[in-house]
N, C-alpha and C. Protein backbone atom coordinates (compact mmCIF):
# COMPACT_ATOMS: atom_id res chain seq x y z
N UNK A 1 128.62 118.64 108.10
CA UNK A 1 127.46 119.46 107.81
C UNK A 1 127.64 120.81 108.51
N UNK A 2 127.42 121.88 107.79
CA UNK A 2 127.61 123.20 108.38
C UNK A 2 126.53 123.52 109.40
N UNK A 3 126.87 124.31 110.37
CA UNK A 3 125.91 124.72 111.42
C UNK A 3 125.06 125.85 110.85
N UNK A 4 123.76 125.69 110.94
CA UNK A 4 122.85 126.73 110.49
C UNK A 4 122.15 127.32 111.71
N UNK A 5 121.73 128.58 111.60
CA UNK A 5 120.99 129.17 112.73
C UNK A 5 119.73 128.35 113.01
N UNK A 6 119.39 128.24 114.29
CA UNK A 6 118.23 127.44 114.66
C UNK A 6 116.96 127.88 113.97
N UNK A 7 116.80 129.16 113.73
CA UNK A 7 115.60 129.63 113.03
C UNK A 7 115.50 129.02 111.64
N UNK A 8 116.63 128.66 111.06
CA UNK A 8 116.62 128.04 109.73
C UNK A 8 116.31 126.55 109.79
N UNK A 9 116.09 126.03 110.99
CA UNK A 9 115.77 124.61 111.14
C UNK A 9 114.29 124.37 111.43
N UNK A 10 113.48 125.40 111.26
CA UNK A 10 112.04 125.25 111.40
C UNK A 10 111.43 125.46 110.02
N UNK A 11 110.69 124.46 109.55
CA UNK A 11 110.01 124.64 108.27
C UNK A 11 108.80 125.54 108.48
N UNK A 12 108.26 126.05 107.41
CA UNK A 12 107.11 126.94 107.52
C UNK A 12 105.90 126.24 108.12
N UNK A 13 105.77 124.93 107.86
CA UNK A 13 104.64 124.19 108.40
C UNK A 13 104.84 123.82 109.87
N UNK A 14 106.08 123.91 110.36
CA UNK A 14 106.34 123.63 111.77
C UNK A 14 107.11 122.37 112.05
N UNK A 15 107.69 121.76 111.04
CA UNK A 15 108.57 120.62 111.28
C UNK A 15 109.95 121.15 111.65
N UNK A 16 110.74 120.33 112.32
CA UNK A 16 112.11 120.68 112.70
C UNK A 16 113.06 119.94 111.78
N UNK A 17 113.85 120.65 111.01
CA UNK A 17 114.73 120.04 110.02
C UNK A 17 115.74 119.07 110.62
N UNK A 18 116.11 119.28 111.86
CA UNK A 18 117.05 118.38 112.51
C UNK A 18 116.48 116.99 112.76
N UNK A 19 115.18 116.82 112.57
CA UNK A 19 114.53 115.52 112.72
C UNK A 19 114.14 114.91 111.39
N UNK A 20 114.51 115.55 110.31
CA UNK A 20 114.14 115.10 108.97
C UNK A 20 115.15 114.08 108.45
N UNK A 21 114.66 112.97 107.96
CA UNK A 21 115.54 111.92 107.42
C UNK A 21 116.38 112.47 106.28
N UNK A 22 115.86 113.39 105.50
CA UNK A 22 116.60 113.96 104.38
C UNK A 22 117.83 114.72 104.87
N UNK A 23 117.75 115.26 106.05
CA UNK A 23 118.86 116.04 106.58
C UNK A 23 119.83 115.20 107.40
N UNK A 24 119.33 114.26 108.18
CA UNK A 24 120.23 113.57 109.11
C UNK A 24 120.37 112.09 108.84
N UNK A 25 119.31 111.34 108.76
CA UNK A 25 119.40 109.89 108.68
C UNK A 25 119.90 109.41 107.32
N UNK A 26 119.31 109.88 106.24
CA UNK A 26 119.69 109.40 104.91
C UNK A 26 121.16 109.71 104.60
N UNK A 27 121.65 110.93 104.80
CA UNK A 27 123.08 111.17 104.53
C UNK A 27 124.01 110.29 105.36
N UNK A 28 123.68 110.11 106.62
CA UNK A 28 124.51 109.28 107.50
C UNK A 28 124.54 107.84 107.02
N UNK A 29 123.38 107.27 106.74
CA UNK A 29 123.32 105.88 106.30
C UNK A 29 123.99 105.70 104.93
N UNK A 30 123.84 106.69 104.05
CA UNK A 30 124.49 106.60 102.73
C UNK A 30 126.01 106.58 102.89
N UNK A 31 126.54 107.44 103.77
CA UNK A 31 127.99 107.45 104.02
C UNK A 31 128.44 106.13 104.63
N UNK A 32 127.65 105.61 105.57
CA UNK A 32 128.00 104.33 106.20
C UNK A 32 128.05 103.20 105.17
N UNK A 33 127.04 103.14 104.29
CA UNK A 33 127.01 102.09 103.28
C UNK A 33 128.16 102.26 102.29
N UNK A 34 128.42 103.50 101.88
CA UNK A 34 129.52 103.75 100.96
C UNK A 34 130.85 103.33 101.60
N UNK A 35 131.05 103.68 102.85
CA UNK A 35 132.28 103.27 103.55
C UNK A 35 132.38 101.75 103.65
N UNK A 36 131.27 101.11 103.95
CA UNK A 36 131.27 99.65 104.10
C UNK A 36 131.66 98.95 102.80
N UNK A 37 131.04 99.31 101.69
CA UNK A 37 131.36 98.61 100.43
C UNK A 37 132.79 98.92 99.99
N UNK A 38 133.26 100.12 100.26
CA UNK A 38 134.65 100.44 99.92
C UNK A 38 135.62 99.70 100.84
N UNK A 39 135.31 99.63 102.15
CA UNK A 39 136.17 98.90 103.08
C UNK A 39 136.23 97.42 102.73
N UNK A 40 135.14 96.90 102.16
CA UNK A 40 135.12 95.50 101.75
C UNK A 40 135.86 95.27 100.44
N UNK A 41 136.30 96.35 99.80
CA UNK A 41 137.12 96.22 98.60
C UNK A 41 136.39 96.23 97.28
N UNK A 42 135.12 96.56 97.29
CA UNK A 42 134.36 96.53 96.04
C UNK A 42 134.91 97.48 94.98
N UNK A 43 135.56 98.56 95.39
CA UNK A 43 136.14 99.47 94.41
C UNK A 43 137.16 98.74 93.52
N UNK A 44 137.84 97.74 94.09
CA UNK A 44 138.88 97.03 93.36
C UNK A 44 138.36 95.84 92.55
N UNK A 45 137.23 95.21 92.97
CA UNK A 45 136.83 93.99 92.26
C UNK A 45 135.37 93.96 91.81
N UNK A 46 134.67 95.09 91.83
CA UNK A 46 133.25 95.07 91.43
C UNK A 46 133.04 94.56 90.02
N UNK A 47 134.00 94.80 89.12
CA UNK A 47 133.77 94.38 87.73
C UNK A 47 133.75 92.87 87.57
N UNK A 48 134.16 92.14 88.61
CA UNK A 48 134.15 90.68 88.55
C UNK A 48 132.92 90.06 89.22
N UNK A 49 132.02 90.91 89.73
CA UNK A 49 130.83 90.41 90.42
C UNK A 49 129.62 90.57 89.50
N UNK A 50 129.08 89.46 89.00
CA UNK A 50 127.92 89.54 88.11
C UNK A 50 126.76 90.27 88.78
N UNK A 51 126.11 91.11 88.02
CA UNK A 51 124.97 91.87 88.53
C UNK A 51 125.37 93.20 89.17
N UNK A 52 126.59 93.30 89.61
CA UNK A 52 127.09 94.54 90.21
C UNK A 52 128.00 95.27 89.22
N UNK A 53 128.71 94.51 88.40
CA UNK A 53 129.75 95.08 87.55
C UNK A 53 129.28 96.25 86.68
N UNK A 54 128.08 96.20 86.18
CA UNK A 54 127.60 97.28 85.32
C UNK A 54 127.05 98.47 86.10
N UNK A 55 126.76 98.28 87.38
CA UNK A 55 126.04 99.31 88.13
C UNK A 55 126.81 99.95 89.28
N UNK A 56 127.93 99.37 89.66
CA UNK A 56 128.63 99.85 90.85
C UNK A 56 129.02 101.34 90.78
N UNK A 57 129.61 101.82 89.70
CA UNK A 57 129.96 103.25 89.67
C UNK A 57 128.73 104.17 89.84
N UNK A 58 127.62 103.79 89.23
CA UNK A 58 126.39 104.58 89.39
C UNK A 58 125.87 104.49 90.82
N UNK A 59 125.96 103.32 91.40
CA UNK A 59 125.54 103.11 92.78
C UNK A 59 126.34 104.01 93.73
N UNK A 60 127.64 104.04 93.56
CA UNK A 60 128.49 104.90 94.39
C UNK A 60 128.14 106.37 94.17
N UNK A 61 127.87 106.75 92.96
CA UNK A 61 127.49 108.14 92.66
C UNK A 61 126.19 108.50 93.39
N UNK A 62 125.21 107.59 93.39
CA UNK A 62 123.95 107.83 94.09
C UNK A 62 124.21 107.95 95.59
N UNK A 63 125.04 107.08 96.15
CA UNK A 63 125.36 107.17 97.57
C UNK A 63 126.05 108.50 97.89
N UNK A 64 126.94 108.95 97.01
CA UNK A 64 127.60 110.25 97.22
C UNK A 64 126.57 111.38 97.24
N UNK A 65 125.61 111.32 96.34
CA UNK A 65 124.56 112.35 96.30
C UNK A 65 123.69 112.30 97.55
N UNK A 66 123.30 111.09 97.96
CA UNK A 66 122.51 110.96 99.18
C UNK A 66 123.29 111.46 100.40
N UNK A 67 124.59 111.19 100.43
CA UNK A 67 125.39 111.60 101.59
C UNK A 67 125.53 113.12 101.68
N UNK A 68 125.24 113.83 100.61
CA UNK A 68 125.35 115.29 100.60
C UNK A 68 124.00 115.99 100.80
N UNK A 69 122.93 115.24 101.00
CA UNK A 69 121.61 115.87 101.19
C UNK A 69 121.62 116.79 102.40
N UNK A 70 120.84 117.84 102.30
CA UNK A 70 120.69 118.78 103.41
C UNK A 70 119.28 119.33 103.35
N UNK A 71 118.88 119.98 104.41
CA UNK A 71 117.55 120.55 104.52
C UNK A 71 117.28 121.50 103.36
N UNK A 72 116.11 121.43 102.80
CA UNK A 72 115.76 122.31 101.68
C UNK A 72 114.51 123.12 101.93
N UNK A 73 113.91 122.98 103.08
CA UNK A 73 112.61 123.61 103.28
C UNK A 73 112.69 125.11 103.54
N UNK A 74 113.46 125.55 104.50
CA UNK A 74 113.51 126.98 104.77
C UNK A 74 114.65 127.64 103.98
N UNK A 75 115.82 127.04 104.00
CA UNK A 75 116.97 127.66 103.35
C UNK A 75 116.76 127.87 101.87
N UNK A 76 116.02 127.00 101.26
CA UNK A 76 115.79 127.14 99.82
C UNK A 76 114.36 127.57 99.54
N UNK A 77 113.76 128.21 100.46
CA UNK A 77 112.46 128.86 100.32
C UNK A 77 111.28 127.92 100.12
N UNK A 78 111.23 126.85 100.88
CA UNK A 78 110.00 126.09 100.95
C UNK A 78 109.98 124.72 100.37
N UNK A 79 111.10 124.07 100.21
CA UNK A 79 111.08 122.72 99.69
C UNK A 79 110.69 122.71 98.23
N UNK A 80 109.71 121.92 97.86
CA UNK A 80 109.30 121.88 96.46
C UNK A 80 108.86 123.28 96.00
N UNK A 81 109.18 123.63 94.75
CA UNK A 81 108.82 124.97 94.26
C UNK A 81 107.32 125.28 94.37
N UNK A 82 106.51 124.25 94.40
CA UNK A 82 105.06 124.46 94.44
C UNK A 82 104.50 124.44 95.87
N UNK A 83 105.35 124.55 96.89
CA UNK A 83 104.89 124.46 98.27
C UNK A 83 103.90 125.56 98.61
N UNK A 84 102.65 125.18 98.76
CA UNK A 84 101.59 126.14 99.06
C UNK A 84 101.76 126.75 100.45
N UNK A 85 102.32 126.01 101.37
CA UNK A 85 102.51 126.53 102.72
C UNK A 85 103.55 127.64 102.72
N UNK A 86 104.65 127.44 102.01
CA UNK A 86 105.66 128.49 101.93
C UNK A 86 105.07 129.74 101.29
N UNK A 87 104.36 129.57 100.18
CA UNK A 87 103.77 130.72 99.49
C UNK A 87 102.81 131.47 100.41
N UNK A 88 102.02 130.75 101.15
CA UNK A 88 101.06 131.35 102.08
C UNK A 88 101.79 132.09 103.20
N UNK A 89 102.78 131.47 103.80
CA UNK A 89 103.53 132.10 104.89
C UNK A 89 104.22 133.37 104.40
N UNK A 90 104.81 133.31 103.21
CA UNK A 90 105.48 134.49 102.66
C UNK A 90 104.48 135.62 102.43
N UNK A 91 103.32 135.27 101.90
CA UNK A 91 102.29 136.28 101.63
C UNK A 91 101.80 136.92 102.92
N UNK A 92 101.63 136.12 103.95
CA UNK A 92 101.09 136.62 105.22
C UNK A 92 102.17 137.14 106.17
N UNK A 93 103.43 136.93 105.82
CA UNK A 93 104.52 137.38 106.68
C UNK A 93 104.65 136.59 107.96
N UNK A 94 104.20 135.33 107.95
CA UNK A 94 104.28 134.46 109.13
C UNK A 94 105.61 133.71 109.10
N UNK A 95 106.30 133.66 110.23
CA UNK A 95 107.53 132.90 110.32
C UNK A 95 107.23 131.40 110.18
N UNK A 96 106.21 130.94 110.87
CA UNK A 96 105.71 129.57 110.76
C UNK A 96 104.19 129.63 110.81
N UNK A 97 103.56 128.58 110.36
CA UNK A 97 102.09 128.54 110.33
C UNK A 97 101.48 128.83 111.70
N UNK A 98 102.13 128.33 112.76
CA UNK A 98 101.56 128.49 114.10
C UNK A 98 101.49 129.94 114.54
N UNK A 99 102.19 130.83 113.85
CA UNK A 99 102.14 132.26 114.15
C UNK A 99 101.02 132.97 113.39
N UNK A 100 100.36 132.27 112.50
CA UNK A 100 99.33 132.87 111.65
C UNK A 100 97.99 132.90 112.37
N UNK A 101 97.24 133.96 112.15
CA UNK A 101 95.91 134.07 112.78
C UNK A 101 94.92 133.07 112.22
N UNK A 102 95.19 132.52 111.03
CA UNK A 102 94.29 131.54 110.41
C UNK A 102 94.68 130.09 110.71
N UNK A 103 95.64 129.90 111.59
CA UNK A 103 96.11 128.55 111.93
C UNK A 103 95.08 127.82 112.79
N UNK A 104 94.83 126.55 112.53
CA UNK A 104 95.27 125.73 111.41
C UNK A 104 94.35 125.93 110.21
N UNK A 105 94.91 125.82 109.04
CA UNK A 105 94.13 125.97 107.80
C UNK A 105 94.14 124.66 107.03
N UNK A 106 93.44 124.62 105.90
CA UNK A 106 93.36 123.39 105.11
C UNK A 106 94.73 122.96 104.58
N UNK A 107 95.57 123.92 104.18
CA UNK A 107 96.91 123.57 103.67
C UNK A 107 97.71 122.85 104.77
N UNK A 108 97.68 123.41 105.96
CA UNK A 108 98.43 122.83 107.07
C UNK A 108 97.81 121.49 107.50
N UNK A 109 96.51 121.42 107.56
CA UNK A 109 95.85 120.17 107.95
C UNK A 109 96.23 119.02 107.01
N UNK A 110 96.40 119.32 105.72
CA UNK A 110 96.76 118.27 104.76
C UNK A 110 98.12 117.67 105.09
N UNK A 111 99.09 118.50 105.41
CA UNK A 111 100.42 117.96 105.72
C UNK A 111 100.44 117.32 107.10
N UNK A 112 99.59 117.76 108.00
CA UNK A 112 99.57 117.16 109.34
C UNK A 112 99.07 115.72 109.31
N UNK A 113 98.37 115.33 108.25
CA UNK A 113 97.92 113.94 108.12
C UNK A 113 99.09 113.02 107.74
N UNK A 114 100.12 113.59 107.14
CA UNK A 114 101.31 112.82 106.75
C UNK A 114 102.29 112.74 107.92
N UNK A 115 102.37 113.81 108.69
CA UNK A 115 103.29 113.90 109.83
C UNK A 115 102.49 113.86 111.13
N UNK A 116 102.33 112.69 111.72
CA UNK A 116 101.44 112.54 112.87
C UNK A 116 101.83 113.35 114.10
N UNK A 117 103.09 113.76 114.25
CA UNK A 117 103.48 114.56 115.40
C UNK A 117 103.27 116.05 115.20
N UNK A 118 102.96 116.45 113.98
CA UNK A 118 102.89 117.88 113.66
C UNK A 118 101.86 118.62 114.51
N UNK A 119 100.71 118.03 114.73
CA UNK A 119 99.66 118.68 115.54
C UNK A 119 100.14 118.88 116.97
N UNK A 120 100.68 117.83 117.59
CA UNK A 120 101.18 117.96 118.96
C UNK A 120 102.34 118.94 119.03
N UNK A 121 103.23 118.89 118.05
CA UNK A 121 104.36 119.81 118.04
C UNK A 121 103.91 121.25 117.86
N UNK A 122 102.89 121.45 117.04
CA UNK A 122 102.36 122.80 116.83
C UNK A 122 101.74 123.33 118.13
N UNK A 123 100.98 122.48 118.78
CA UNK A 123 100.39 122.89 120.07
C UNK A 123 101.49 123.24 121.07
N UNK A 124 102.54 122.42 121.09
CA UNK A 124 103.65 122.67 122.02
C UNK A 124 104.36 123.99 121.69
N UNK A 125 104.58 124.26 120.41
CA UNK A 125 105.21 125.51 119.97
C UNK A 125 104.40 126.71 120.47
N UNK A 126 103.10 126.62 120.31
CA UNK A 126 102.24 127.72 120.74
C UNK A 126 102.21 127.85 122.26
N UNK A 127 102.38 126.73 122.95
CA UNK A 127 102.35 126.75 124.41
C UNK A 127 103.64 127.31 125.02
N UNK A 128 104.80 126.86 124.50
CA UNK A 128 106.08 127.22 125.15
C UNK A 128 106.89 128.26 124.39
N UNK A 129 106.52 128.56 123.15
CA UNK A 129 107.28 129.54 122.37
C UNK A 129 108.41 128.91 121.58
N UNK A 130 108.91 129.69 120.65
CA UNK A 130 109.90 129.19 119.69
C UNK A 130 111.19 128.71 120.36
N UNK A 131 111.77 129.48 121.26
CA UNK A 131 113.07 129.13 121.83
C UNK A 131 113.04 127.82 122.61
N UNK A 132 112.06 127.67 123.47
CA UNK A 132 111.97 126.42 124.24
C UNK A 132 111.64 125.25 123.32
N UNK A 133 110.76 125.48 122.36
CA UNK A 133 110.40 124.44 121.39
C UNK A 133 111.64 123.97 120.63
N UNK A 134 112.47 124.92 120.20
CA UNK A 134 113.70 124.55 119.49
C UNK A 134 114.61 123.69 120.37
N UNK A 135 114.73 124.05 121.63
CA UNK A 135 115.56 123.26 122.53
C UNK A 135 115.01 121.84 122.66
N UNK A 136 113.72 121.70 122.77
CA UNK A 136 113.11 120.37 122.86
C UNK A 136 113.37 119.55 121.60
N UNK A 137 113.36 120.20 120.45
CA UNK A 137 113.62 119.50 119.18
C UNK A 137 115.09 119.07 119.10
N UNK A 138 115.99 119.93 119.57
CA UNK A 138 117.42 119.56 119.59
C UNK A 138 117.64 118.32 120.45
N UNK A 139 116.96 118.25 121.59
CA UNK A 139 117.08 117.08 122.47
C UNK A 139 116.58 115.83 121.75
N UNK A 140 115.46 115.94 121.06
CA UNK A 140 114.95 114.79 120.29
C UNK A 140 116.00 114.32 119.28
N UNK A 141 116.58 115.27 118.56
CA UNK A 141 117.57 114.94 117.53
C UNK A 141 118.79 114.27 118.15
N UNK A 142 119.25 114.79 119.28
CA UNK A 142 120.41 114.20 119.96
C UNK A 142 120.14 112.77 120.39
N UNK A 143 118.90 112.45 120.67
CA UNK A 143 118.53 111.09 121.09
C UNK A 143 118.35 110.16 119.89
N UNK A 144 118.46 110.70 118.66
CA UNK A 144 118.40 109.87 117.47
C UNK A 144 117.04 109.75 116.82
N UNK A 145 116.06 110.51 117.30
CA UNK A 145 114.72 110.43 116.70
C UNK A 145 114.71 111.15 115.36
N UNK A 146 113.94 110.63 114.41
CA UNK A 146 113.66 111.35 113.17
C UNK A 146 112.22 111.06 112.76
N UNK A 147 111.62 112.00 112.03
CA UNK A 147 110.22 111.87 111.63
C UNK A 147 109.95 110.61 110.82
N UNK A 148 110.91 110.18 110.03
CA UNK A 148 110.71 109.00 109.21
C UNK A 148 110.37 107.74 110.00
N UNK A 149 110.67 107.76 111.29
CA UNK A 149 110.37 106.61 112.13
C UNK A 149 108.87 106.40 112.29
N UNK A 150 108.10 107.47 112.15
CA UNK A 150 106.65 107.35 112.35
C UNK A 150 105.83 108.06 111.29
N UNK A 151 106.44 108.50 110.21
CA UNK A 151 105.73 109.22 109.17
C UNK A 151 104.65 108.33 108.56
N UNK A 152 103.50 108.91 108.33
CA UNK A 152 102.38 108.15 107.75
C UNK A 152 102.57 108.01 106.24
N UNK A 153 102.07 106.92 105.71
CA UNK A 153 102.10 106.70 104.27
C UNK A 153 100.89 107.42 103.69
N UNK A 154 101.10 108.35 102.75
CA UNK A 154 99.97 109.06 102.17
C UNK A 154 99.00 108.12 101.47
N UNK A 155 97.73 108.37 101.61
CA UNK A 155 96.58 107.73 100.99
C UNK A 155 96.73 106.29 100.52
N UNK A 156 97.79 105.96 99.81
CA UNK A 156 97.91 104.60 99.31
C UNK A 156 99.33 104.10 99.52
N UNK A 157 99.48 102.82 99.66
CA UNK A 157 100.81 102.23 99.76
C UNK A 157 100.87 101.03 98.83
N UNK A 158 102.06 100.49 98.66
CA UNK A 158 102.22 99.32 97.81
C UNK A 158 102.37 98.09 98.69
N UNK A 159 101.58 97.07 98.42
CA UNK A 159 101.66 95.82 99.15
C UNK A 159 101.61 94.70 98.12
N UNK A 160 102.66 93.93 98.05
CA UNK A 160 102.75 92.81 97.11
C UNK A 160 102.36 93.24 95.71
N UNK A 161 102.83 94.42 95.31
CA UNK A 161 102.56 94.90 93.96
C UNK A 161 101.18 95.48 93.73
N UNK A 162 100.32 95.45 94.75
CA UNK A 162 98.97 95.98 94.61
C UNK A 162 98.87 97.28 95.38
N UNK A 163 98.10 98.22 94.87
CA UNK A 163 97.87 99.47 95.57
C UNK A 163 96.73 99.25 96.58
N UNK A 164 96.97 99.68 97.80
CA UNK A 164 96.00 99.46 98.87
C UNK A 164 95.66 100.79 99.51
N UNK A 165 94.41 101.08 99.65
CA UNK A 165 93.97 102.30 100.32
C UNK A 165 94.23 102.16 101.81
N UNK A 166 94.94 103.15 102.40
CA UNK A 166 95.26 103.08 103.82
C UNK A 166 94.33 103.93 104.66
N UNK A 167 93.38 104.56 104.05
CA UNK A 167 92.43 105.40 104.81
C UNK A 167 91.25 104.55 105.25
N UNK A 168 90.72 104.80 106.46
CA UNK A 168 89.57 104.00 106.93
C UNK A 168 88.33 104.25 106.11
């Protein structure tokens, strides 16, 4: 993975890309799984394994794609094309939401319900500044933490095939 400037590792909403499963955990695990099945010899005999024979090449292709994932939030201008936070930050000229005079706003509050550490991290960013905050995030990443370990499930989740409301 290429080294990007640290400023490119802060999303507009205030997440640190180095802690994002899409950037670090998913590519690593996809490469590990791909290496494992290849080391076990599946490339040579998958066509003889019922249930795998028709899907193995597609499975490997998906693992290859997952292994190449990288951060898309700042470098590609805000993640999903419809990202309201990116559009707002660009309009206001804010590097991150925490630099905005209207912080926190409804747009930011909505995403903070999905990412339970976002509020504390935002407070910390405002308390210690960008450079120290970045160093703290690098330390978290080096220790193996990623947001996916504690990310909240939005509004509903699937349990035994039934949709269940997770809000109190």
